[in-house]
Every structure is written in C-alpha cells, then in structure tokens.
Protein backbone atom coordinates (compact mmCIF):
# COMPACT_ATOMS: atom_id res chain seq x y z
CA UNK A 1 -25.55 12.03 -22.39
CA UNK A 2 -23.56 8.83 -22.92
CA UNK A 3 -20.29 10.79 -22.90
CA UNK A 4 -21.20 12.53 -19.65
CA UNK A 5 -22.00 9.20 -17.98
CA UNK A 6 -18.72 7.69 -19.17
CA UNK A 7 -16.74 10.67 -17.90
CA UNK A 8 -18.57 10.64 -14.57
CA UNK A 9 -17.96 6.90 -14.15
CA UNK A 10 -14.25 7.24 -14.97
CA UNK A 11 -13.88 10.21 -12.65
CA UNK A 12 -15.58 8.28 -9.87
CA UNK A 13 -13.24 5.32 -10.33
CA UNK A 14 -10.15 7.54 -10.26
CA UNK A 15 -11.42 9.37 -7.19
CA UNK A 16 -12.13 6.11 -5.38
CA UNK A 17 -8.68 4.68 -6.17
CA UNK A 18 -7.03 7.97 -5.16
CA UNK A 19 -8.87 7.92 -1.83
CA UNK A 20 -8.04 4.29 -1.13
CA UNK A 21 -4.37 4.62 -2.01
CA UNK A 22 -3.87 8.25 -0.99
CA UNK A 23 -5.53 7.90 2.39
CA UNK A 24 -5.58 4.16 3.03
CA UNK A 25 -1.86 3.47 2.82
CA UNK A 26 -0.86 6.35 5.14
CA UNK A 27 -3.55 5.26 7.60
CA UNK A 28 -2.17 1.70 7.61
CA UNK A 29 1.36 3.06 8.13
CA UNK A 30 0.12 5.37 10.92
CA UNK A 31 -1.60 2.41 12.59
CA UNK A 32 1.73 0.59 12.47
CA UNK A 33 3.43 3.55 14.14
CA UNK A 34 0.69 3.61 16.77
CA UNK A 35 1.05 -0.11 17.50
CA UNK A 36 4.83 0.29 17.63
CA UNK A 37 4.53 3.10 20.20
CA UNK A 38 2.24 1.23 22.61
CA UNK A 39 3.89 0.67 25.94
CA UNK A 40 2.93 -1.59 28.83
CA UNK A 41 0.58 -0.17 31.46
CA UNK A 42 2.23 1.94 34.15
CA UNK A 43 0.65 0.00 37.03
CA UNK A 44 1.72 -3.40 35.64
CA UNK A 45 5.05 -5.08 36.12
CA UNK A 46 7.90 -2.88 34.95
CA UNK A 47 9.57 -4.72 32.09
CA UNK A 48 11.33 -3.39 29.07
CA UNK A 49 9.89 -6.17 26.88
CA UNK A 50 7.34 -5.06 24.29
CA UNK A 51 3.97 -6.72 23.85
CA UNK A 52 4.46 -9.28 21.08
CA UNK A 53 0.93 -8.86 19.71
CA UNK A 54 1.26 -5.11 19.16
CA UNK A 55 4.76 -5.52 17.75
CA UNK A 56 3.49 -8.15 15.31
CA UNK A 57 0.59 -5.90 14.29
CA UNK A 58 3.04 -3.05 13.73
CA UNK A 59 5.19 -5.23 11.47
CA UNK A 60 2.11 -6.41 9.56
CA UNK A 61 1.07 -2.79 8.96
CA UNK A 62 4.57 -1.81 7.79
CA UNK A 63 4.82 -4.79 5.43
CA UNK A 64 1.36 -4.11 3.99
CA UNK A 65 2.25 -0.47 3.30
CA UNK A 66 5.58 -1.50 1.76
CA UNK A 67 3.89 -4.06 -0.51
CA UNK A 68 1.42 -1.46 -1.79
CA UNK A 69 4.23 1.02 -2.47
CA UNK A 70 6.35 -1.62 -4.22
CA UNK A 71 3.38 -2.74 -6.33
CA UNK A 72 2.77 0.89 -7.34
CA UNK A 73 6.39 1.34 -8.40
CA UNK A 74 6.30 -1.91 -10.39
CA UNK A 75 3.04 -0.84 -12.04
CA UNK A 76 4.51 2.49 -13.09
CA UNK A 77 7.67 0.82 -14.42
CA UNK A 78 5.95 -2.16 -16.06
CA UNK A 79 6.84 -1.17 -19.64
CA UNK A 80 10.48 -0.51 -18.73
CA UNK A 81 10.70 -3.88 -16.96
CA UNK A 82 9.06 -5.59 -19.93
CA UNK A 83 11.45 -3.99 -22.41
CA UNK A 84 14.63 -4.40 -20.35
CA UNK A 85 14.16 -7.76 -18.65
CA UNK A 86 11.44 -9.36 -20.81
CA UNK A 87 9.20 -9.84 -17.76
CA UNK A 88 5.56 -8.86 -18.27
CA UNK A 89 3.93 -7.48 -15.13
CA UNK A 90 0.39 -6.10 -14.84
CA UNK A 91 -0.41 -6.84 -18.48
CA UNK A 92 2.59 -5.09 -20.03
CA UNK A 93 3.14 -5.63 -23.72
CA UNK A 94 6.07 -7.89 -24.63
CA UNK A 95 8.97 -6.15 -26.38
CA UNK A 96 9.04 -6.18 -30.17
CA UNK A 97 11.64 -8.51 -31.61
C-alpha cells in the first residue's frame, strides 16, 4: 500500500506541474495578446495612441511567459551548463576534476 501511495503522490505532483506549466503559461501569453489587441472605445476621441495600462499589462504578460520558458530551458540544460561553464543552476552537480 505504501508503494501505491508514493506512486499516486508522485503522479499527482507531475500532473499538477504539467497543468500549471502546460496551461498556465499559454493562458498568460494569451492574456498578453488580448491586452495588446485592446483598442480605445469607438465613441471616444479618435486617437491612434494605445492605452498605456493595457500595453504595460501586455508587456508584463509577455515577459512573465518568456521568463518561465527561459527557466525551463535552463533547467533542462543545467548539467550541460555545469559541465561546460562550471555554473551550477537548479542544484546541478559540479563537474568532476
């Protein structure tokens, strides 16, 4: 029964992380696209200037998505980076000397 509980717990953790990263990052990016596409109201003054709040929110969403993607790439390549550049990221083992 202990093995079943350990497997169920590990599977739950992987599923949760997959949902957060697999759905969360695209949702943040899509929110950035949505904020970027917002236009001024049609009955307001006709200006070609974008709303600075929505533009800032769009940039924040894009940067957040980019940071998560970059962190994922660095996590995957942590052993290569440790071996090649002697920089330990995310608990990578130092190269043998």
